[in-house]
Amino acid sequence: MEEEINTTPVGRSSNNQKDPDELLKIAQDLNRVLKREEQVRRDFREARRANNPSEEIQC
């Protein structure tokens, strides 16, 4: 199951949030999304390298 979090409303929500548990949940959700994006980029780079081994890829 793929979740998408719109960071703009989440960011606004965190600005108004006073409950430390809710802030922690928001931070964990954002961290999970960022890690997923990082993995997708890593997988993409690896796939490009596998398909073009002689081409140097700059990140």
Protein backbone atom coordinates (compact mmCIF):
# COMPACT_ATOMS: atom_id res chain seq x y z
CA MET A 1 0.00 0.00 0.00
CA GLU A 2 1.51 3.29 -1.08
CA GLU A 3 0.77 6.35 1.00
CA GLU A 4 1.19 9.89 -0.18
CA ILE A 5 1.55 12.75 2.23
CA ASN A 6 1.11 16.29 1.04
CA THR A 7 3.83 18.03 3.03
CA THR A 8 2.30 21.50 2.80
CA PRO A 9 -0.80 20.68 4.89
CA VAL A 10 1.33 18.51 7.16
CA GLY A 11 3.70 21.40 7.67
CA ARG A 12 0.83 23.71 8.48
CA SER A 13 -0.61 21.12 10.83
CA SER A 14 2.69 20.79 12.66
CA ASN A 15 2.87 24.56 13.15
CA ASN A 16 -0.48 24.48 14.96
CA GLN A 17 0.13 21.25 16.85
CA LYS A 18 0.91 21.44 20.56
CA ASP A 19 0.68 17.75 21.47
CA PRO A 20 4.21 16.26 21.50
CA ASP A 21 2.88 12.83 20.50
CA GLU A 22 1.15 14.28 17.45
CA LEU A 23 4.29 16.23 16.49
CA LEU A 24 6.31 13.02 16.77
CA LYS A 25 3.81 11.21 14.53
CA ILE A 26 4.04 14.00 11.94
CA ALA A 27 7.85 13.87 12.02
CA GLN A 28 7.84 10.08 11.66
CA ASP A 29 5.42 10.26 8.71
CA LEU A 30 7.60 12.84 6.96
CA ASN A 31 10.73 10.79 7.63
CA ARG A 32 9.09 7.67 6.16
CA VAL A 33 8.14 9.56 2.99
CA LEU A 34 11.63 11.03 2.62
CA LYS A 35 13.25 7.62 3.06
CA ARG A 36 10.93 6.14 0.42
CA GLU A 37 11.81 8.94 -2.01
CA GLU A 38 15.51 8.39 -1.33
CA GLN A 39 15.15 4.66 -2.06
CA VAL A 40 13.25 5.33 -5.28
CA ARG A 41 16.04 7.65 -6.45
CA ARG A 42 18.69 5.10 -5.49
CA ASP A 43 16.83 2.36 -7.36
CA PHE A 44 16.48 4.61 -10.40
CA ARG A 45 20.22 5.39 -10.42
CA GLU A 46 21.08 1.70 -10.11
CA ALA A 47 18.72 0.80 -12.95
CA ARG A 48 20.26 3.46 -15.18
CA ARG A 49 23.75 2.20 -14.39
CA ALA A 50 22.69 -1.36 -15.19
CA ASN A 51 21.23 -0.27 -18.53
CA ASN A 52 24.11 2.09 -19.42
CA PRO A 53 27.23 0.72 -17.76
CA SER A 54 29.59 2.87 -19.84
CA GLU A 55 27.68 6.09 -19.18
CA GLU A 56 28.79 7.97 -16.07
CA ILE A 57 25.87 9.34 -14.09
CA GLN A 58 26.32 12.45 -12.02
CA CYS A 59 24.01 13.04 -9.07
